[in-house]
């Protein structure tokens, strides 16, 4: 069993490089019962969200991942994720944990699992971690990134990976509005009616808008998110950016705690779970800036 005191550095799982893009993974079996953390990337447009829906015949990321894990283990494997993404939302760095039921190697949990996954889901790394690590409850922050392609003509090659928005945007006023979200607030105005969270209060540590060429990117980091919170915030930032509404209106919406007064929910296509932060004591690998459509990195 791995504990914070005897846990090895993550690099021990990747014991040799044969080139910049060729990684040799450890073939040494880990002890059965060891908790394993893993980073998952997926194209959410092909799935009805993260969470398995056993009573419905719809594809989900969790179901696909657990089926692949079970084929490697030979027995069922249950995963827990950092945050359940909705239908159409992408995961650049979703973090999961599971307990290895049989004692497979890191190579098996990465390469073996990927061999059984659809091409729209990939395991980027896996490593043994502390038995107290929890993908959801150990997280100290989650970072979402919303990507808009701000061009007169809708892009073909980026279909489903970004949200197309043809109207001119004033990023200065959008950032003025975005700054109002920083701190702890009641985010009921940006909460879906179906949200099951016990409290509407969340702490946002950063929210800003910036441009990279034709892409306009909304970055938001918080200790947690409500159902549709990011997409509802982006929808309201867009009407501020086009001068349809004012920053004062945005302030009033936040204070109102009334979802019916805010703008429409932005589409899921441009939304990515970009990073999940954990205490350094767990020693998880750093996540590169993403997604690849913006940074060119995986």
Protein backbone atom coordinates (compact mmCIF):
# COMPACT_ATOMS: atom_id res chain seq x y z
CA UNK A 1 0.00 0.00 0.00
CA UNK A 2 1.32 3.44 -0.93
CA UNK A 3 1.15 6.15 1.73
CA UNK A 4 2.27 9.82 1.61
CA UNK A 5 5.39 8.83 3.51
CA UNK A 6 6.61 6.07 1.21
CA UNK A 7 5.06 7.12 -2.12
CA UNK A 8 7.57 7.19 -4.96
CA UNK A 9 7.99 10.18 -7.25
CA UNK A 10 5.82 10.02 -10.38
CA UNK A 11 8.91 9.78 -12.56
CA UNK A 12 9.53 6.26 -11.20
CA UNK A 13 6.59 5.07 -13.31
CA UNK A 14 8.23 6.36 -16.47
CA UNK A 15 11.70 4.94 -16.31
CA UNK A 16 13.16 5.75 -19.69
CA UNK A 17 12.80 7.94 -22.74
CA UNK A 18 13.72 6.58 -26.17
CA UNK A 19 12.93 9.87 -27.82
CA UNK A 20 10.93 13.04 -27.22
CA UNK A 21 7.63 11.30 -27.92
CA UNK A 22 8.45 7.72 -27.00
CA UNK A 23 7.92 6.78 -23.38
CA UNK A 24 8.72 3.44 -21.78
CA UNK A 25 6.26 2.56 -19.03
CA UNK A 26 7.03 0.32 -16.08
CA UNK A 27 6.09 -3.33 -16.57
CA UNK A 28 6.51 -4.15 -12.88
CA UNK A 29 3.21 -5.21 -11.27
CA UNK A 30 2.01 -2.99 -8.44
CA UNK A 31 0.46 -4.48 -5.33
CA UNK A 32 -3.20 -5.46 -5.56
CA UNK A 33 -5.33 -2.93 -3.72
CA UNK A 34 -3.07 0.00 -4.59
CA UNK A 35 -4.88 3.20 -5.42
CA UNK A 36 -4.12 4.42 -8.93
CA UNK A 37 -4.54 7.98 -10.22
CA UNK A 38 -4.84 8.63 -13.95
CA UNK A 39 -5.29 11.51 -16.37
CA UNK A 40 -8.02 11.03 -19.00
CA UNK A 41 -8.54 13.04 -22.18
CA UNK A 42 -11.74 12.79 -24.22
CA UNK A 43 -13.81 14.34 -26.99
CA UNK A 44 -17.10 14.97 -25.23
CA UNK A 45 -19.06 15.49 -28.42
CA UNK A 46 -19.40 11.73 -28.83
CA UNK A 47 -20.85 11.08 -25.36
CA UNK A 48 -23.78 11.85 -23.11
CA UNK A 49 -21.52 13.25 -20.41
CA UNK A 50 -19.09 11.59 -18.03
CA UNK A 51 -21.37 9.70 -15.68
CA UNK A 52 -22.47 6.16 -16.54
CA UNK A 53 -26.22 5.86 -17.13
CA UNK A 54 -27.00 2.15 -16.71
CA UNK A 55 -30.74 2.72 -17.17
CA UNK A 56 -30.28 4.39 -20.54
CA UNK A 57 -28.72 3.08 -23.75
CA UNK A 58 -26.44 6.07 -24.29
CA UNK A 59 -22.64 6.20 -24.50
CA UNK A 60 -20.78 7.82 -21.59
CA UNK A 61 -17.08 8.33 -20.88
CA UNK A 62 -17.18 6.58 -17.51
CA UNK A 63 -18.84 3.50 -18.97
CA UNK A 64 -16.33 3.27 -21.82
CA UNK A 65 -13.38 3.73 -19.47
CA UNK A 66 -14.58 1.18 -16.92
CA UNK A 67 -15.23 -1.39 -19.65
CA UNK A 68 -11.64 -0.96 -20.87
CA UNK A 69 -10.26 -1.18 -17.32
CA UNK A 70 -12.25 -4.35 -16.71
CA UNK A 71 -10.82 -5.97 -19.83
CA UNK A 72 -7.30 -5.33 -18.52
CA UNK A 73 -8.09 -6.39 -14.95
CA UNK A 74 -10.33 -9.31 -15.74
CA UNK A 75 -12.74 -8.07 -13.07
CA UNK A 76 -14.93 -4.95 -12.73
CA UNK A 77 -13.14 -1.68 -11.90
CA UNK A 78 -15.00 1.35 -10.51
CA UNK A 79 -13.64 4.85 -11.15
CA UNK A 80 -14.15 8.17 -9.37
CA UNK A 81 -13.55 11.40 -11.30
CA UNK A 82 -12.62 14.94 -10.32
CA UNK A 83 -15.71 16.45 -11.94
CA UNK A 84 -18.59 15.08 -13.97
CA UNK A 85 -18.74 16.86 -17.32
CA UNK A 86 -22.00 17.27 -19.25
CA UNK A 87 -23.02 16.04 -22.67
CA UNK A 88 -20.73 17.51 -25.33
CA UNK A 89 -18.17 18.94 -22.87
CA UNK A 90 -14.57 17.87 -23.44
CA UNK A 91 -11.94 16.68 -20.98
CA UNK A 92 -8.34 17.72 -21.56
CA UNK A 93 -7.23 16.65 -18.09
CA UNK A 94 -9.91 14.75 -16.23
CA UNK A 95 -8.38 13.03 -13.19
CA UNK A 96 -9.73 9.71 -11.93
CA UNK A 97 -8.77 7.21 -9.28
CA UNK A 98 -9.47 3.51 -8.88
CA UNK A 99 -8.16 0.71 -6.71
CA UNK A 100 -6.16 -1.88 -8.66
CA UNK A 101 -8.02 -5.13 -7.92
CA UNK A 102 -5.40 -7.55 -9.24
CA UNK A 103 -1.96 -5.92 -9.36
CA UNK A 104 -1.30 -4.89 -12.96
CA UNK A 105 1.62 -2.78 -14.18
CA UNK A 106 1.54 0.92 -15.06
CA UNK A 107 2.07 -0.07 -18.70
CA UNK A 108 -1.06 -2.20 -18.53
CA UNK A 109 -3.09 0.63 -17.01
CA UNK A 110 -1.99 3.03 -19.76
CA UNK A 111 -1.21 1.14 -22.97
CA UNK A 112 -3.43 -1.84 -22.24
CA UNK A 113 -6.43 0.30 -21.38
CA UNK A 114 -5.91 2.59 -24.39
CA UNK A 115 -5.96 -0.47 -26.65
CA UNK A 116 -9.55 -1.16 -25.53
CA UNK A 117 -10.78 2.44 -25.59
CA UNK A 118 -12.50 4.21 -28.48
CA UNK A 119 -10.23 6.68 -30.27
CA UNK A 120 -12.08 9.59 -28.64
CA UNK A 121 -10.86 8.66 -25.11
CA UNK A 122 -7.24 8.28 -23.97
CA UNK A 123 -5.32 7.61 -20.77
CA UNK A 124 -2.25 9.90 -20.73
CA UNK A 125 -0.67 8.65 -17.51
CA UNK A 126 -1.37 6.46 -14.51
CA UNK A 127 0.57 6.02 -11.30
CA UNK A 128 0.20 4.50 -7.84
CA UNK A 129 -0.74 7.09 -5.26
CA UNK A 130 -1.66 7.42 -1.60
CA UNK A 131 -4.60 5.43 -0.30
CA UNK A 132 -6.06 8.73 0.95
CA UNK A 133 -6.03 10.32 -2.49
CA UNK A 134 -9.51 11.04 -3.84
CA UNK A 135 -9.95 12.42 -7.35
CA UNK A 136 -12.90 14.57 -6.29
CA UNK A 137 -12.42 15.41 -2.64
CA UNK A 138 -8.63 15.89 -2.72
CA UNK A 139 -8.89 18.50 -5.48
CA UNK A 140 -8.21 22.07 -4.38
CA UNK A 141 -9.15 23.80 -7.66
CA UNK A 142 -10.63 23.06 -11.07
CA UNK A 143 -9.83 25.04 -14.18
CA UNK A 144 -12.26 25.24 -17.10
CA UNK A 145 -11.46 26.81 -20.45
CA UNK A 146 -14.09 27.95 -22.95
CA UNK A 147 -12.91 28.48 -26.53
CA UNK A 148 -14.72 30.66 -29.07
CA UNK A 149 -13.76 30.91 -32.72
CA UNK A 150 -14.47 34.59 -33.39
CA UNK A 151 -14.55 34.67 -37.20
CA UNK A 152 -17.06 35.74 -39.88
CA UNK A 153 -17.21 32.20 -41.30
CA UNK A 154 -17.67 29.08 -39.21
CA UNK A 155 -14.53 26.88 -39.29
CA UNK A 156 -14.85 23.39 -40.75
CA UNK A 157 -11.84 21.65 -39.20
CA UNK A 158 -12.69 22.86 -35.68
CA UNK A 159 -16.31 21.72 -35.77
CA UNK A 160 -17.29 20.35 -32.36
CA UNK A 161 -14.04 21.48 -30.75
CA UNK A 162 -14.84 25.19 -30.36
CA UNK A 163 -17.93 27.37 -30.31
CA UNK A 164 -18.28 29.63 -33.34
CA UNK A 165 -19.24 33.23 -32.57
CA UNK A 166 -19.23 35.69 -35.47
CA UNK A 167 -20.04 38.95 -33.67
CA UNK A 168 -17.31 41.41 -32.69
CA UNK A 169 -16.35 41.20 -29.01
CA UNK A 170 -14.96 43.87 -26.70
CA UNK A 171 -12.63 41.90 -24.45
CA UNK A 172 -11.97 44.87 -22.16
CA UNK A 173 -15.59 45.10 -21.02
CA UNK A 174 -15.85 41.30 -20.87
CA UNK A 175 -12.89 41.26 -18.50
CA UNK A 176 -14.46 44.06 -16.46
CA UNK A 177 -17.50 41.85 -15.99
CA UNK A 178 -15.45 38.69 -15.41
CA UNK A 179 -13.59 40.34 -12.53
CA UNK A 180 -16.88 40.69 -10.67
CA UNK A 181 -17.00 36.91 -10.34
CA UNK A 182 -13.74 36.61 -8.39
CA UNK A 183 -14.24 35.73 -4.75
CA UNK A 184 -16.94 33.75 -2.95
CA UNK A 185 -20.45 34.33 -4.26
CA UNK A 186 -23.87 32.79 -4.52
CA UNK A 187 -23.89 31.70 -8.18
CA UNK A 188 -27.59 30.83 -8.36
CA UNK A 189 -27.97 33.20 -11.35
CA UNK A 190 -25.63 30.93 -13.31
CA UNK A 191 -26.93 27.62 -11.99
CA UNK A 192 -29.00 25.17 -14.03
CA UNK A 193 -32.45 24.36 -12.71
CA UNK A 194 -31.44 20.69 -12.60
CA UNK A 195 -28.37 21.35 -10.43
CA UNK A 196 -28.26 19.03 -7.41
CA UNK A 197 -25.52 20.81 -5.44
CA UNK A 198 -26.31 21.41 -1.78
CA UNK A 199 -25.04 24.99 -1.87
CA UNK A 200 -24.88 27.61 -4.65
CA UNK A 201 -21.80 29.22 -3.08
CA UNK A 202 -18.48 28.79 -4.86
CA UNK A 203 -15.09 30.51 -4.63
CA UNK A 204 -13.73 31.74 -7.98
CA UNK A 205 -10.01 32.50 -7.79
CA UNK A 206 -9.61 33.68 -11.39
CA UNK A 207 -11.76 34.56 -14.39
CA UNK A 208 -10.41 36.35 -17.44
CA UNK A 209 -10.87 36.59 -21.20
CA UNK A 210 -8.05 36.75 -23.74
CA UNK A 211 -7.49 36.34 -27.45
CA UNK A 212 -5.13 34.08 -29.41
CA UNK A 213 -5.47 34.89 -33.08
CA UNK A 214 -9.07 34.14 -34.04
CA UNK A 215 -9.75 32.33 -30.77
CA UNK A 216 -11.29 34.09 -27.78
CA UNK A 217 -10.69 32.14 -24.58
CA UNK A 218 -12.50 32.39 -21.27
CA UNK A 219 -10.51 30.91 -18.36
CA UNK A 220 -12.15 30.34 -15.01
CA UNK A 221 -10.72 28.65 -11.92
CA UNK A 222 -12.73 27.80 -8.81
CA UNK A 223 -12.90 25.36 -5.92
CA UNK A 224 -15.94 23.81 -7.59
CA UNK A 225 -18.65 24.48 -10.17
CA UNK A 226 -22.42 24.26 -10.33
CA UNK A 227 -24.27 22.51 -13.15
CA UNK A 228 -23.89 24.62 -16.36
CA UNK A 229 -22.17 27.36 -14.33
CA UNK A 230 -19.35 28.02 -16.81
CA UNK A 231 -21.59 27.89 -19.88
CA UNK A 232 -24.11 30.24 -18.26
CA UNK A 233 -21.35 32.67 -17.30
CA UNK A 234 -19.95 32.62 -20.84
CA UNK A 235 -23.40 33.23 -22.30
CA UNK A 236 -23.77 36.37 -20.18
CA UNK A 237 -20.22 37.55 -20.89
CA UNK A 238 -20.95 37.34 -24.62
CA UNK A 239 -23.91 39.72 -24.46
CA UNK A 240 -21.73 42.13 -22.48
CA UNK A 241 -18.96 41.77 -25.08
CA UNK A 242 -21.31 42.72 -27.90
CA UNK A 243 -22.68 45.71 -25.91
CA UNK A 244 -26.13 44.12 -25.91
CA UNK A 245 -25.93 44.35 -22.12
CA UNK A 246 -23.76 46.38 -19.76
CA UNK A 247 -21.30 45.47 -17.02
CA UNK A 248 -23.79 46.98 -14.56
CA UNK A 249 -26.39 44.49 -15.85
CA UNK A 250 -23.91 41.65 -15.28
CA UNK A 251 -23.43 42.87 -11.69
CA UNK A 252 -27.17 42.92 -11.17
CA UNK A 253 -27.55 39.40 -12.56
CA UNK A 254 -24.98 38.01 -10.13
CA UNK A 255 -26.62 39.79 -7.20
CA UNK A 256 -30.13 38.75 -8.25
CA UNK A 257 -29.47 35.02 -7.86
CA UNK A 258 -32.15 34.56 -10.53
CA UNK A 259 -31.22 32.29 -13.45
CA UNK A 260 -34.14 33.54 -15.57
CA UNK A 261 -32.59 37.01 -15.77
CA UNK A 262 -29.24 35.89 -17.22
CA UNK A 263 -28.42 35.23 -20.87
CA UNK A 264 -28.75 31.96 -22.74
CA UNK A 265 -26.50 29.02 -21.93
CA UNK A 266 -23.47 28.85 -24.23
CA UNK A 267 -23.13 25.60 -26.27
CA UNK A 268 -21.00 22.76 -24.85
CA UNK A 269 -18.67 22.49 -27.87
CA UNK A 270 -16.12 25.02 -26.67
CA UNK A 271 -15.91 23.92 -23.03
CA UNK A 272 -12.99 21.91 -21.64
CA UNK A 273 -12.09 20.64 -18.20
CA UNK A 274 -8.53 21.86 -18.64
CA UNK A 275 -6.84 21.13 -15.31
CA UNK A 276 -7.47 19.89 -11.79
CA UNK A 277 -5.13 21.00 -9.00
CA UNK A 278 -4.13 18.85 -6.02
CA UNK A 279 -1.79 19.33 -3.07
CA UNK A 280 1.82 18.84 -4.15
CA UNK A 281 2.21 16.13 -1.52
CA UNK A 282 0.42 13.70 -3.86
CA UNK A 283 3.13 14.24 -6.47
CA UNK A 284 0.91 14.08 -9.54
CA UNK A 285 2.45 15.09 -12.88
CA UNK A 286 1.88 18.66 -14.01
CA UNK A 287 -0.76 19.18 -16.67
CA UNK A 288 0.44 21.11 -19.73
CA UNK A 289 -1.56 24.07 -20.96
CA UNK A 290 -4.43 22.85 -23.05
CA UNK A 291 -6.37 21.88 -24.96
CA UNK A 292 -4.16 21.05 -27.91
CA UNK A 293 -6.30 23.13 -30.26
CA UNK A 294 -4.95 26.17 -28.38
CA UNK A 295 -1.53 25.13 -27.11
CA UNK A 296 -0.43 22.37 -29.46
CA UNK A 297 0.45 20.27 -26.40
CA UNK A 298 -0.99 17.09 -24.92
